[in-house]
Amino acid sequence: MSIIEEYIGYEFKEPLWFFLLLFLPLFIWLFSKLNKSKQFGIKYTNAADKQKEITSFLVLTLRMFMYAAKLLLFLCFVVLLSKPIKINKAASKPDKNGFGIDLVFVLDVSLSMQAMDLKPNRLESAKRVIGNFIQQRKNDRIGLVVYSGEAYSSCHKTTDHQLLQSQLQYVNGSDLIQGTAIGVGLGTGVTQLRGDSTSSKAIVLLTDGKNNIGDISPLEAAELAFNEGIRVYTIGVGTNGYAPIPDVGIFGSGISYSLVEIDEDILKEISNKTGGRYFRATDSKSLQNIISEIDKIEKKMMNKNQSVLPVTANLELLIALLLLLTGLIIIGDIFLFMVYE
């Protein structure tokens, strides 16, 4: 149905009703058989062949009109059952491939993300909730950028969510320069979305620290996002105070405690500038709730670009057309019955 939706500007909430159109050839055949069984005219005897039957052009025209009106009535009825939804193209031109939004996760994978204040640790908790989010967004192109002291695109935005999930599972940050390059990570996410024609674009940036390395500052990257019309949701990950973190030393592995230092002011400024929101996740449950909240926000943003017409506006015209056709068919059938009788 996507090709039809692209050209007529409508989507259909229950498109399976269109399978009723498979009965259309049967109706055409039945109408044809009924029309052949009815002959209008005045027959004469002892006359030339051309004079044996005089037919009425008006009646023949009316019969053809009734034939078409009944088929149109059936088609309108099927469209009404399918519950059409009008797409407001003035607000947003739908993507030709039927995508919802373009979204990129920018995930901090620095050493501090191994802290165990979120279970089993910050990074694994973040990967789990991101994976749950991906499962809920079937029609979105989603990408993944990971960063520490440097950044790279682990998976370019795609609707192949199975590929994205597999790439997400392998992320650990062990092969990256250590540090927290928030600006570089955000800038890499913006690069994935730059120049895209999709009207709804967003980045979800997660970090547990402060920007301390990189050639581009967080606010410079936020400016790039703003210029591209990209909303940035920022999430500060970690408890208040000190958090336990694995410590591998010459005497074996152990646990040390690291001070949680999240630059909330910068994260808030990034989100405020780009039209997103800042969140703070102090445990795994709150992180899951935050991702769910972002999911709801983005769905609302998409709904602003659509106007659903239940039994109003254009559907009222469709219902009026149904009633008009029904009335004309009844009047026409009564007239033809009187003529044939």
C-alpha atoms as a PDB file:
ATOM      1  CA  MET A   1       0.000   0.000   0.000  1.00  0.00           C
ATOM      2  CA  SER A   2       3.014   2.326   0.385  1.00  0.00           C
ATOM      3  CA  ILE A   3       3.072   3.348  -3.298  1.00  0.00           C
ATOM      4  CA  ILE A   4      -0.617   4.274  -3.194  1.00  0.00           C
ATOM      5  CA  GLU A   5      -0.142   6.187   0.043  1.00  0.00           C
ATOM      6  CA  GLU A   6       2.722   8.183  -1.478  1.00  0.00           C
ATOM      7  CA  TYR A   7       0.644   9.440  -4.410  1.00  0.00           C
ATOM      8  CA  ILE A   8      -2.787   9.963  -2.833  1.00  0.00           C
ATOM      9  CA  GLY A   9      -1.568  11.418   0.479  1.00  0.00           C
ATOM     10  CA  TYR A  10      -3.467   8.916   2.649  1.00  0.00           C
ATOM     11  CA  GLU A  11      -2.517   6.033   4.896  1.00  0.00           C
ATOM     12  CA  PHE A  12      -4.989   3.332   5.940  1.00  0.00           C
ATOM     13  CA  LYS A  13      -5.246   2.039   9.497  1.00  0.00           C
ATOM     14  CA  GLU A  14      -6.973  -1.201   8.398  1.00  0.00           C
ATOM     15  CA  PRO A  15      -5.804  -1.818   4.809  1.00  0.00           C
ATOM     16  CA  LEU A  16      -6.871  -5.496   4.869  1.00  0.00           C
ATOM     17  CA  TRP A  17     -10.391  -4.373   3.953  1.00  0.00           C
ATOM     18  CA  PHE A  18      -9.061  -3.684   0.462  1.00  0.00           C
ATOM     19  CA  PHE A  19      -9.062  -7.433  -0.128  1.00  0.00           C
ATOM     20  CA  LEU A  20     -12.820  -7.018  -0.631  1.00  0.00           C
ATOM     21  CA  LEU A  21     -11.936  -5.495  -4.009  1.00  0.00           C
ATOM     22  CA  LEU A  22     -11.086  -9.036  -5.122  1.00  0.00           C
ATOM     23  CA  PHE A  23     -14.857  -9.537  -5.348  1.00  0.00           C
ATOM     24  CA  LEU A  24     -15.147  -6.660  -7.836  1.00  0.00           C
ATOM     25  CA  PRO A  25     -14.851  -8.911 -10.956  1.00  0.00           C
ATOM     26  CA  LEU A  26     -17.655 -11.068  -9.537  1.00  0.00           C
ATOM     27  CA  PHE A  27     -19.907  -8.034  -9.098  1.00  0.00           C
ATOM     28  CA  ILE A  28     -19.134  -6.845 -12.630  1.00  0.00           C
ATOM     29  CA  TRP A  29     -20.042 -10.290 -13.987  1.00  0.00           C
ATOM     30  CA  LEU A  30     -23.319 -10.344 -12.004  1.00  0.00           C
ATOM     31  CA  PHE A  31     -24.304  -6.849 -13.168  1.00  0.00           C
ATOM     32  CA  SER A  32     -23.533  -7.852 -16.731  1.00  0.00           C
ATOM     33  CA  LYS A  33     -25.723 -10.971 -16.483  1.00  0.00           C
ATOM     34  CA  LEU A  34     -28.599  -9.006 -14.952  1.00  0.00           C
ATOM     35  CA  ASN A  35     -28.405  -6.302 -17.613  1.00  0.00           C
ATOM     36  CA  LYS A  36     -28.460  -8.863 -20.422  1.00  0.00           C
ATOM     37  CA  SER A  37     -31.627 -10.389 -19.005  1.00  0.00           C
ATOM     38  CA  LYS A  38     -33.434  -7.030 -19.247  1.00  0.00           C
ATOM     39  CA  GLN A  39     -34.329  -5.753 -22.679  1.00  0.00           C
ATOM     40  CA  PHE A  40     -35.989  -2.374 -23.017  1.00  0.00           C
ATOM     41  CA  GLY A  41     -37.920  -1.492 -26.155  1.00  0.00           C
ATOM     42  CA  ILE A  42     -41.064  -1.958 -28.219  1.00  0.00           C
ATOM     43  CA  LYS A  43     -41.114  -4.963 -30.511  1.00  0.00           C
ATOM     44  CA  TYR A  44     -42.992  -4.981 -33.799  1.00  0.00           C
ATOM     45  CA  THR A  45     -44.109  -7.871 -35.992  1.00  0.00           C
ATOM     46  CA  ASN A  46     -44.055  -8.066 -39.770  1.00  0.00           C
ATOM     47  CA  ALA A  47     -41.379  -5.346 -39.990  1.00  0.00           C
ATOM     48  CA  ALA A  48     -37.876  -5.040 -41.275  1.00  0.00           C
ATOM     49  CA  ASP A  49     -35.082  -6.298 -39.039  1.00  0.00           C
ATOM     50  CA  LYS A  50     -33.962  -2.750 -38.154  1.00  0.00           C
ATOM     51  CA  GLN A  51     -37.495  -1.912 -37.064  1.00  0.00           C
ATOM     52  CA  LYS A  52     -38.047  -4.936 -34.859  1.00  0.00           C
ATOM     53  CA  GLU A  53     -36.748  -3.121 -31.782  1.00  0.00           C
ATOM     54  CA  ILE A  54     -36.672   0.560 -30.896  1.00  0.00           C
ATOM     55  CA  THR A  55     -34.587   1.298 -27.813  1.00  0.00           C
ATOM     56  CA  SER A  56     -34.341   4.438 -25.693  1.00  0.00           C
ATOM     57  CA  PHE A  57     -30.958   6.189 -25.514  1.00  0.00           C
ATOM     58  CA  LEU A  58     -32.010   7.780 -22.196  1.00  0.00           C
ATOM     59  CA  VAL A  59     -32.736   4.423 -20.600  1.00  0.00           C
ATOM     60  CA  LEU A  60     -29.518   2.870 -21.888  1.00  0.00           C
ATOM     61  CA  THR A  61     -27.523   5.806 -20.525  1.00  0.00           C
ATOM     62  CA  LEU A  62     -29.278   5.543 -17.176  1.00  0.00           C
ATOM     63  CA  ARG A  63     -28.518   1.830 -17.018  1.00  0.00           C
ATOM     64  CA  MET A  64     -24.820   2.459 -17.608  1.00  0.00           C
ATOM     65  CA  PHE A  65     -24.831   5.206 -14.964  1.00  0.00           C
ATOM     66  CA  MET A  66     -26.492   2.885 -12.462  1.00  0.00           C
ATOM     67  CA  TYR A  67     -23.931   0.216 -13.283  1.00  0.00           C
ATOM     68  CA  ALA A  68     -21.012   2.602 -12.583  1.00  0.00           C
ATOM     69  CA  ALA A  69     -22.666   4.141  -9.507  1.00  0.00           C
ATOM     70  CA  LYS A  70     -23.069   0.751  -7.832  1.00  0.00           C
ATOM     71  CA  LEU A  71     -19.420  -0.093  -8.415  1.00  0.00           C
ATOM     72  CA  LEU A  72     -18.368   3.326  -7.080  1.00  0.00           C
ATOM     73  CA  LEU A  73     -20.606   2.858  -4.039  1.00  0.00           C
ATOM     74  CA  PHE A  74     -18.889  -0.450  -3.293  1.00  0.00           C
ATOM     75  CA  LEU A  75     -15.446   1.150  -3.684  1.00  0.00           C
ATOM     76  CA  CYS A  76     -16.346   4.053  -1.340  1.00  0.00           C
ATOM     77  CA  PHE A  77     -17.658   1.594   1.216  1.00  0.00           C
ATOM     78  CA  VAL A  78     -14.389  -0.368   1.170  1.00  0.00           C
ATOM     79  CA  VAL A  79     -12.335   2.840   1.554  1.00  0.00           C
ATOM     80  CA  LEU A  80     -14.476   3.873   4.524  1.00  0.00           C
ATOM     81  CA  LEU A  81     -13.940   0.493   6.203  1.00  0.00           C
ATOM     82  CA  SER A  82     -10.153   0.839   5.760  1.00  0.00           C
ATOM     83  CA  LYS A  83     -10.133   4.005   7.948  1.00  0.00           C
ATOM     84  CA  PRO A  84      -8.038   6.406   5.865  1.00  0.00           C
ATOM     85  CA  ILE A  85      -5.685   8.846   7.586  1.00  0.00           C
ATOM     86  CA  LYS A  86      -4.820  12.104   5.862  1.00  0.00           C
ATOM     87  CA  ILE A  87      -1.132  13.038   5.815  1.00  0.00           C
ATOM     88  CA  ASN A  88      -0.498  16.737   6.248  1.00  0.00           C
ATOM     89  CA  LYS A  89       2.137  17.247   3.558  1.00  0.00           C
ATOM     90  CA  ALA A  90       2.311  20.961   4.256  1.00  0.00           C
ATOM     91  CA  ALA A  91       3.821  20.163   7.655  1.00  0.00           C
ATOM     92  CA  SER A  92       6.080  17.348   6.578  1.00  0.00           C
ATOM     93  CA  LYS A  93       6.699  15.497   3.356  1.00  0.00           C
ATOM     94  CA  PRO A  94       6.780  11.776   4.171  1.00  0.00           C
ATOM     95  CA  ASP A  95       9.988   9.993   3.393  1.00  0.00           C
ATOM     96  CA  LYS A  96       9.660   8.072   0.132  1.00  0.00           C
ATOM     97  CA  ASN A  97      10.788   4.859   1.825  1.00  0.00           C
ATOM     98  CA  GLY A  98       8.186   5.122   4.569  1.00  0.00           C
ATOM     99  CA  PHE A  99      10.625   5.763   7.419  1.00  0.00           C
ATOM    100  CA  GLY A 100       9.481   7.283  10.702  1.00  0.00           C
ATOM    101  CA  ILE A 101      12.418   9.184  12.169  1.00  0.00           C
ATOM    102  CA  ASP A 102      16.180   9.127  11.773  1.00  0.00           C
ATOM    103  CA  LEU A 103      17.810   8.653  15.159  1.00  0.00           C
ATOM    104  CA  VAL A 104      21.409   8.112  16.246  1.00  0.00           C
ATOM    105  CA  PHE A 105      22.550   6.919  19.656  1.00  0.00           C
ATOM    106  CA  VAL A 106      25.855   8.507  20.732  1.00  0.00           C
ATOM    107  CA  LEU A 107      27.170   6.236  23.468  1.00  0.00           C
ATOM    108  CA  ASP A 108      30.027   6.963  25.867  1.00  0.00           C
ATOM    109  CA  VAL A 109      32.219   3.838  26.153  1.00  0.00           C
ATOM    110  CA  SER A 110      35.012   5.314  28.265  1.00  0.00           C
ATOM    111  CA  LEU A 111      36.520   3.337  31.137  1.00  0.00           C
ATOM    112  CA  SER A 112      34.270   5.005  33.708  1.00  0.00           C
ATOM    113  CA  MET A 113      31.242   3.433  31.975  1.00  0.00           C
ATOM    114  CA  GLN A 114      32.366   0.163  33.595  1.00  0.00           C
ATOM    115  CA  ALA A 115      31.195   1.570  36.966  1.00  0.00           C
ATOM    116  CA  MET A 116      28.763  -0.791  38.676  1.00  0.00           C
ATOM    117  CA  ASP A 117      26.269   1.676  40.144  1.00  0.00           C
ATOM    118  CA  LEU A 118      23.979   0.576  37.286  1.00  0.00           C
ATOM    119  CA  LYS A 119      23.608  -3.188  36.973  1.00  0.00           C
ATOM    120  CA  PRO A 120      25.680  -4.973  35.810  1.00  0.00           C
ATOM    121  CA  ASN A 121      27.518  -1.767  34.872  1.00  0.00           C
ATOM    122  CA  ARG A 122      26.710   1.525  33.160  1.00  0.00           C
ATOM    123  CA  LEU A 123      27.707   0.421  29.669  1.00  0.00           C
ATOM    124  CA  GLU A 124      25.877  -2.915  29.694  1.00  0.00           C
ATOM    125  CA  SER A 125      22.794  -1.292  31.215  1.00  0.00           C
ATOM    126  CA  ALA A 126      22.828   1.371  28.492  1.00  0.00           C
ATOM    127  CA  LYS A 127      23.251  -1.257  25.759  1.00  0.00           C
ATOM    128  CA  ARG A 128      20.315  -3.231  27.137  1.00  0.00           C
ATOM    129  CA  VAL A 129      17.873  -0.320  27.197  1.00  0.00           C
ATOM    130  CA  ILE A 130      19.036   0.896  23.763  1.00  0.00           C
ATOM    131  CA  GLY A 131      18.358  -2.615  22.450  1.00  0.00           C
ATOM    132  CA  ASN A 132      14.843  -2.511  23.927  1.00  0.00           C
ATOM    133  CA  PHE A 133      14.253   0.870  22.308  1.00  0.00           C
ATOM    134  CA  ILE A 134      15.340  -0.414  18.893  1.00  0.00           C
ATOM    135  CA  GLN A 135      12.815  -3.258  19.128  1.00  0.00           C
ATOM    136  CA  GLN A 136       9.979  -0.743  19.592  1.00  0.00           C
ATOM    137  CA  ARG A 137      10.834   1.452  16.576  1.00  0.00           C
ATOM    138  CA  LYS A 138      10.132  -0.771  13.569  1.00  0.00           C
ATOM    139  CA  ASN A 139      10.072   1.894  10.844  1.00  0.00           C
ATOM    140  CA  ASP A 140      12.904   4.136  11.992  1.00  0.00           C
ATOM    141  CA  ARG A 141      16.413   4.359  10.650  1.00  0.00           C
ATOM    142  CA  ILE A 142      18.621   4.104  13.727  1.00  0.00           C
ATOM    143  CA  GLY A 143      22.397   4.455  13.928  1.00  0.00           C
ATOM    144  CA  LEU A 144      25.042   4.049  16.610  1.00  0.00           C
ATOM    145  CA  VAL A 145      28.096   6.196  17.368  1.00  0.00           C
ATOM    146  CA  VAL A 146      30.490   5.227  20.172  1.00  0.00           C
ATOM    147  CA  TYR A 147      33.073   7.515  21.684  1.00  0.00           C
ATOM    148  CA  SER A 148      35.715   7.729  24.346  1.00  0.00           C
ATOM    149  CA  GLY A 149      38.766   9.876  23.614  1.00  0.00           C
ATOM    150  CA  GLU A 150      37.797   9.511  19.934  1.00  0.00           C
ATOM    151  CA  ALA A 151      34.603   8.517  18.131  1.00  0.00           C
ATOM    152  CA  TYR A 152      33.458   6.355  15.241  1.00  0.00           C
ATOM    153  CA  SER A 153      30.205   5.169  13.689  1.00  0.00           C
ATOM    154  CA  SER A 154      29.659   1.607  14.873  1.00  0.00           C
ATOM    155  CA  CYS A 155      26.584   1.339  12.633  1.00  0.00           C
ATOM    156  CA  HIS A 156      25.277   3.853  10.132  1.00  0.00           C
ATOM    157  CA  LYS A 157      21.558   4.596  10.394  1.00  0.00           C
ATOM    158  CA  THR A 158      19.570   1.669   9.050  1.00  0.00           C
ATOM    159  CA  THR A 159      16.249  -0.148   9.232  1.00  0.00           C
ATOM    160  CA  ASP A 160      18.170  -3.431   9.462  1.00  0.00           C
ATOM    161  CA  HIS A 161      17.735  -3.523  13.206  1.00  0.00           C
ATOM    162  CA  GLN A 162      19.134  -7.040  13.464  1.00  0.00           C
ATOM    163  CA  LEU A 163      22.456  -5.740  12.131  1.00  0.00           C
ATOM    164  CA  LEU A 164      22.279  -2.778  14.506  1.00  0.00           C
ATOM    165  CA  GLN A 165      21.604  -5.042  17.493  1.00  0.00           C
ATOM    166  CA  SER A 166      24.572  -7.243  16.644  1.00  0.00           C
ATOM    167  CA  GLN A 167      26.877  -4.218  16.361  1.00  0.00           C
ATOM    168  CA  LEU A 168      25.567  -2.893  19.676  1.00  0.00           C
ATOM    169  CA  GLN A 169      26.460  -6.116  21.484  1.00  0.00           C
ATOM    170  CA  TYR A 170      30.128  -5.915  20.421  1.00  0.00           C
ATOM    171  CA  VAL A 171      30.650  -2.347  21.684  1.00  0.00           C
ATOM    172  CA  ASN A 172      33.080  -2.074  24.613  1.00  0.00           C
ATOM    173  CA  GLY A 173      35.458   0.830  23.917  1.00  0.00           C
ATOM    174  CA  SER A 174      38.635  -1.133  24.639  1.00  0.00           C
ATOM    175  CA  ASP A 175      40.127  -0.248  21.262  1.00  0.00           C
ATOM    176  CA  LEU A 176      39.650   3.526  21.605  1.00  0.00           C
ATOM    177  CA  ILE A 177      41.860   6.256  23.037  1.00  0.00           C
ATOM    178  CA  GLN A 178      40.736   6.907  26.583  1.00  0.00           C
ATOM    179  CA  GLY A 179      38.998  10.149  27.529  1.00  0.00           C
ATOM    180  CA  THR A 180      35.542  11.689  27.166  1.00  0.00           C
ATOM    181  CA  ALA A 181      35.222  13.513  23.848  1.00  0.00           C
ATOM    182  CA  ILE A 182      31.554  14.525  24.068  1.00  0.00           C
ATOM    183  CA  GLY A 183      31.899  17.134  21.320  1.00  0.00           C
ATOM    184  CA  VAL A 184      33.569  14.702  18.919  1.00  0.00           C
ATOM    185  CA  GLY A 185      30.958  12.024  19.644  1.00  0.00           C
ATOM    186  CA  LEU A 186      28.073  14.432  19.090  1.00  0.00           C
ATOM    187  CA  GLY A 187      29.686  15.832  15.960  1.00  0.00           C
ATOM    188  CA  THR A 188      30.048  12.302  14.547  1.00  0.00           C
ATOM    189  CA  GLY A 189      26.349  11.696  15.203  1.00  0.00           C
ATOM    190  CA  VAL A 190      25.446  14.930  13.418  1.00  0.00           C
ATOM    191  CA  THR A 191      27.533  13.815  10.431  1.00  0.00           C
ATOM    192  CA  GLN A 192      25.346  10.691  10.115  1.00  0.00           C
ATOM    193  CA  LEU A 193      22.207  12.831   9.909  1.00  0.00           C
ATOM    194  CA  ARG A 194      23.571  15.819   7.983  1.00  0.00           C
ATOM    195  CA  GLY A 195      21.747  16.696   4.770  1.00  0.00           C
ATOM    196  CA  ASP A 196      19.075  14.035   5.277  1.00  0.00           C
ATOM    197  CA  SER A 197      15.692  14.944   3.781  1.00  0.00           C
ATOM    198  CA  THR A 198      13.789  13.265   6.631  1.00  0.00           C
ATOM    199  CA  SER A 199      11.978  15.954   8.623  1.00  0.00           C
ATOM    200  CA  SER A 200      12.295  14.240  12.011  1.00  0.00           C
ATOM    201  CA  LYS A 201      15.906  13.751  13.172  1.00  0.00           C
ATOM    202  CA  ALA A 202      17.186  13.163  16.688  1.00  0.00           C
ATOM    203  CA  ILE A 203      20.267  12.164  18.654  1.00  0.00           C
ATOM    204  CA  VAL A 204      20.330  10.494  22.069  1.00  0.00           C
ATOM    205  CA  LEU A 205      23.684  11.187  23.748  1.00  0.00           C
ATOM    206  CA  LEU A 206      24.706   9.260  26.858  1.00  0.00           C
ATOM    207  CA  THR A 207      27.709  10.131  29.020  1.00  0.00           C
ATOM    208  CA  ASP A 208      28.916   9.782  32.602  1.00  0.00           C
ATOM    209  CA  GLY A 209      31.583  12.445  32.583  1.00  0.00           C
ATOM    210  CA  LYS A 210      32.903  15.790  31.366  1.00  0.00           C
ATOM    211  CA  ASN A 211      34.335  16.685  28.006  1.00  0.00           C
ATOM    212  CA  ASN A 212      38.122  16.544  28.437  1.00  0.00           C
ATOM    213  CA  ILE A 213      39.511  15.836  24.981  1.00  0.00           C
ATOM    214  CA  GLY A 214      38.768  16.420  21.298  1.00  0.00           C
ATOM    215  CA  ASP A 215      39.048  19.033  18.569  1.00  0.00           C
ATOM    216  CA  ILE A 216      35.426  20.158  18.801  1.00  0.00           C
ATOM    217  CA  SER A 217      33.648  21.331  21.934  1.00  0.00           C
ATOM    218  CA  PRO A 218      30.184  20.051  22.945  1.00  0.00           C
ATOM    219  CA  LEU A 219      28.597  23.450  22.298  1.00  0.00           C
ATOM    220  CA  GLU A 220      30.172  23.693  18.843  1.00  0.00           C
ATOM    221  CA  ALA A 221      28.738  20.271  18.036  1.00  0.00           C
ATOM    222  CA  ALA A 222      25.364  21.393  19.404  1.00  0.00           C
ATOM    223  CA  GLU A 223      25.479  24.365  17.030  1.00  0.00           C
ATOM    224  CA  LEU A 224      26.001  21.956  14.118  1.00  0.00           C
ATOM    225  CA  ALA A 225      23.021  19.891  15.299  1.00  0.00           C
ATOM    226  CA  PHE A 226      20.859  22.991  15.586  1.00  0.00           C
ATOM    227  CA  ASN A 227      21.746  24.089  12.043  1.00  0.00           C
ATOM    228  CA  GLU A 228      20.727  20.650  10.742  1.00  0.00           C
ATOM    229  CA  GLY A 229      17.414  20.664  12.628  1.00  0.00           C
ATOM    230  CA  ILE A 230      18.463  17.758  14.867  1.00  0.00           C
ATOM    231  CA  ARG A 231      17.013  17.422  18.369  1.00  0.00           C
ATOM    232  CA  VAL A 232      19.565  16.212  20.919  1.00  0.00           C
ATOM    233  CA  TYR A 233      18.453  14.372  24.058  1.00  0.00           C
ATOM    234  CA  THR A 234      21.255  14.151  26.615  1.00  0.00           C
ATOM    235  CA  ILE A 235      21.436  11.628  29.438  1.00  0.00           C
ATOM    236  CA  GLY A 236      23.806  11.866  32.375  1.00  0.00           C
ATOM    237  CA  VAL A 237      24.511   8.312  33.539  1.00  0.00           C
ATOM    238  CA  GLY A 238      25.612   7.619  37.138  1.00  0.00           C
ATOM    239  CA  THR A 239      24.732   8.000  40.794  1.00  0.00           C
ATOM    240  CA  ASN A 240      25.616  10.991  42.922  1.00  0.00           C
ATOM    241  CA  GLY A 241      28.889  10.837  44.821  1.00  0.00           C
ATOM    242  CA  TYR A 242      31.217   7.865  44.330  1.00  0.00           C
ATOM    243  CA  ALA A 243      30.602   4.768  42.219  1.00  0.00           C
ATOM    244  CA  PRO A 244      32.351   1.351  42.348  1.00  0.00           C
ATOM    245  CA  ILE A 245      34.503   0.559  39.324  1.00  0.00           C
ATOM    246  CA  PRO A 246      36.625  -2.522  38.511  1.00  0.00           C
ATOM    247  CA  ASP A 247      40.314  -1.980  39.178  1.00  0.00           C
ATOM    248  CA  VAL A 248      42.862  -4.309  37.620  1.00  0.00           C
ATOM    249  CA  GLY A 249      46.298  -3.918  39.184  1.00  0.00           C
ATOM    250  CA  ILE A 250      49.528  -5.847  39.514  1.00  0.00           C
ATOM    251  CA  PHE A 251      48.074  -7.744  42.468  1.00  0.00           C
ATOM    252  CA  GLY A 252      44.923  -8.806  40.622  1.00  0.00           C
ATOM    253  CA  SER A 253      41.498  -7.357  40.103  1.00  0.00           C
ATOM    254  CA  GLY A 254      39.563  -5.429  42.709  1.00  0.00           C
ATOM    255  CA  ILE A 255      37.136  -2.588  43.206  1.00  0.00           C
ATOM    256  CA  SER A 256      37.927   1.089  43.520  1.00  0.00           C
ATOM    257  CA  TYR A 257      35.601   4.055  43.902  1.00  0.00           C
ATOM    258  CA  SER A 258      35.478   6.898  41.402  1.00  0.00           C
ATOM    259  CA  LEU A 259      33.825  10.289  41.841  1.00  0.00           C
ATOM    260  CA  VAL A 260      30.880  10.823  39.478  1.00  0.00           C
ATOM    261  CA  GLU A 261      31.497  14.079  37.616  1.00  0.00           C
ATOM    262  CA  ILE A 262      28.814  14.796  35.035  1.00  0.00           C
ATOM    263  CA  ASP A 263      28.829  18.207  33.399  1.00  0.00           C
ATOM    264  CA  GLU A 264      25.072  18.662  33.676  1.00  0.00           C
ATOM    265  CA  ASP A 265      25.180  22.339  32.739  1.00  0.00           C
ATOM    266  CA  ILE A 266      26.738  21.577  29.347  1.00  0.00           C
ATOM    267  CA  LEU A 267      24.343  18.678  28.713  1.00  0.00           C
ATOM    268  CA  LYS A 268      21.352  20.871  29.553  1.00  0.00           C
ATOM    269  CA  GLU A 269      22.646  23.614  27.273  1.00  0.00           C
ATOM    270  CA  ILE A 270      23.064  21.165  24.392  1.00  0.00           C
ATOM    271  CA  SER A 271      19.490  19.922  24.765  1.00  0.00           C
ATOM    272  CA  ASN A 272      17.971  23.363  25.253  1.00  0.00           C
ATOM    273  CA  LYS A 273      19.714  24.720  22.168  1.00  0.00           C
ATOM    274  CA  THR A 274      18.525  21.875  19.909  1.00  0.00           C
ATOM    275  CA  GLY A 275      14.978  21.432  21.222  1.00  0.00           C
ATOM    276  CA  GLY A 276      15.671  18.232  23.142  1.00  0.00           C
ATOM    277  CA  ARG A 277      15.716  17.492  26.871  1.00  0.00           C
ATOM    278  CA  TYR A 278      18.245  16.561  29.515  1.00  0.00           C
ATOM    279  CA  PHE A 279      17.745  13.522  31.768  1.00  0.00           C
ATOM    280  CA  ARG A 280      19.663  12.055  34.686  1.00  0.00           C
ATOM    281  CA  ALA A 281      19.819   8.271  35.139  1.00  0.00           C
ATOM    282  CA  THR A 282      20.987   7.189  38.590  1.00  0.00           C
ATOM    283  CA  ASP A 283      20.095   3.487  38.203  1.00  0.00           C
ATOM    284  CA  SER A 284      19.140   0.956  35.536  1.00  0.00           C
ATOM    285  CA  LYS A 285      15.403   1.411  36.045  1.00  0.00           C
ATOM    286  CA  SER A 286      15.551   5.192  35.668  1.00  0.00           C
ATOM    287  CA  LEU A 287      17.639   4.790  32.503  1.00  0.00           C
ATOM    288  CA  GLN A 288      14.988   2.483  31.059  1.00  0.00           C
ATOM    289  CA  ASN A 289      12.269   4.981  31.990  1.00  0.00           C
ATOM    290  CA  ILE A 290      14.215   7.820  30.349  1.00  0.00           C
ATOM    291  CA  ILE A 291      14.618   5.928  27.067  1.00  0.00           C
ATOM    292  CA  SER A 292      10.902   5.091  27.157  1.00  0.00           C
ATOM    293  CA  GLU A 293      10.097   8.768  27.714  1.00  0.00           C
ATOM    294  CA  ILE A 294      12.233   9.762  24.720  1.00  0.00           C
ATOM    295  CA  ASP A 295      10.397   7.112  22.694  1.00  0.00           C
ATOM    296  CA  LYS A 296       7.052   8.724  23.609  1.00  0.00           C
ATOM    297  CA  ILE A 297       8.319  12.232  22.864  1.00  0.00           C
ATOM    298  CA  GLU A 298       9.555  11.271  19.408  1.00  0.00           C
ATOM    299  CA  LYS A 299       6.271   9.520  18.592  1.00  0.00           C
ATOM    300  CA  LYS A 300       4.410  12.690  19.566  1.00  0.00           C
ATOM    301  CA  MET A 301       6.736  14.704  17.322  1.00  0.00           C
ATOM    302  CA  MET A 302       5.831  12.409  14.420  1.00  0.00           C
ATOM    303  CA  ASN A 303       2.116  12.731  15.174  1.00  0.00           C
ATOM    304  CA  LYS A 304       2.375  16.513  14.812  1.00  0.00           C
ATOM    305  CA  ASN A 305       3.104  15.893  11.134  1.00  0.00           C
ATOM    306  CA  GLN A 306      -0.089  13.899  10.627  1.00  0.00           C
ATOM    307  CA  SER A 307      -3.755  14.804  10.953  1.00  0.00           C
ATOM    308  CA  VAL A 308      -6.031  11.863  11.625  1.00  0.00           C
ATOM    309  CA  LEU A 309      -9.510  12.244  10.177  1.00  0.00           C
ATOM    310  CA  PRO A 310     -11.867   9.789  11.902  1.00  0.00           C
ATOM    311  CA  VAL A 311     -15.373  10.885  10.764  1.00  0.00           C
ATOM    312  CA  THR A 312     -14.540  14.498  10.024  1.00  0.00           C
ATOM    313  CA  ALA A 313     -13.351  16.707   7.158  1.00  0.00           C
ATOM    314  CA  ASN A 314     -12.612  14.542   4.104  1.00  0.00           C
ATOM    315  CA  LEU A 315     -14.351  11.489   5.546  1.00  0.00           C
ATOM    316  CA  GLU A 316     -17.523  13.496   5.945  1.00  0.00           C
ATOM    317  CA  LEU A 317     -17.378  14.151   2.207  1.00  0.00           C
ATOM    318  CA  LEU A 318     -16.923  10.430   1.612  1.00  0.00           C
ATOM    319  CA  ILE A 319     -19.958   9.611   3.735  1.00  0.00           C
ATOM    320  CA  ALA A 320     -21.974  12.297   1.941  1.00  0.00           C
ATOM    321  CA  LEU A 321     -20.929  10.746  -1.385  1.00  0.00           C
ATOM    322  CA  LEU A 322     -22.048   7.329  -0.141  1.00  0.00           C
ATOM    323  CA  LEU A 323     -25.455   8.681   0.823  1.00  0.00           C
ATOM    324  CA  LEU A 324     -25.819  10.563  -2.460  1.00  0.00           C
ATOM    325  CA  LEU A 325     -24.918   7.515  -4.528  1.00  0.00           C
ATOM    326  CA  THR A 326     -27.282   5.363  -2.490  1.00  0.00           C
ATOM    327  CA  GLY A 327     -30.136   7.811  -3.075  1.00  0.00           C
ATOM    328  CA  LEU A 328     -29.444   8.054  -6.815  1.00  0.00           C
ATOM    329  CA  ILE A 329     -29.269   4.271  -7.112  1.00  0.00           C
ATOM    330  CA  ILE A 330     -32.600   3.829  -5.339  1.00  0.00           C
ATOM    331  CA  ILE A 331     -34.301   6.465  -7.519  1.00  0.00           C
ATOM    332  CA  GLY A 332     -32.717   5.055 -10.671  1.00  0.00           C
ATOM    333  CA  ASP A 333     -33.731   1.488  -9.857  1.00  0.00           C
ATOM    334  CA  ILE A 334     -37.328   2.591  -9.200  1.00  0.00           C
ATOM    335  CA  PHE A 335     -37.419   4.399 -12.561  1.00  0.00           C
ATOM    336  CA  LEU A 336     -35.987   1.438 -14.440  1.00  0.00           C
ATOM    337  CA  PHE A 337     -38.396  -0.934 -12.702  1.00  0.00           C
ATOM    338  CA  MET A 338     -41.320   1.204 -13.838  1.00  0.00           C
ATOM    339  CA  VAL A 339     -39.969   1.312 -17.399  1.00  0.00           C
ATOM    340  CA  TYR A 340     -39.385  -2.430 -17.642  1.00  0.00           C
ATOM    341  CA  GLU A 341     -42.729  -3.221 -16.081  1.00  0.00           C
END
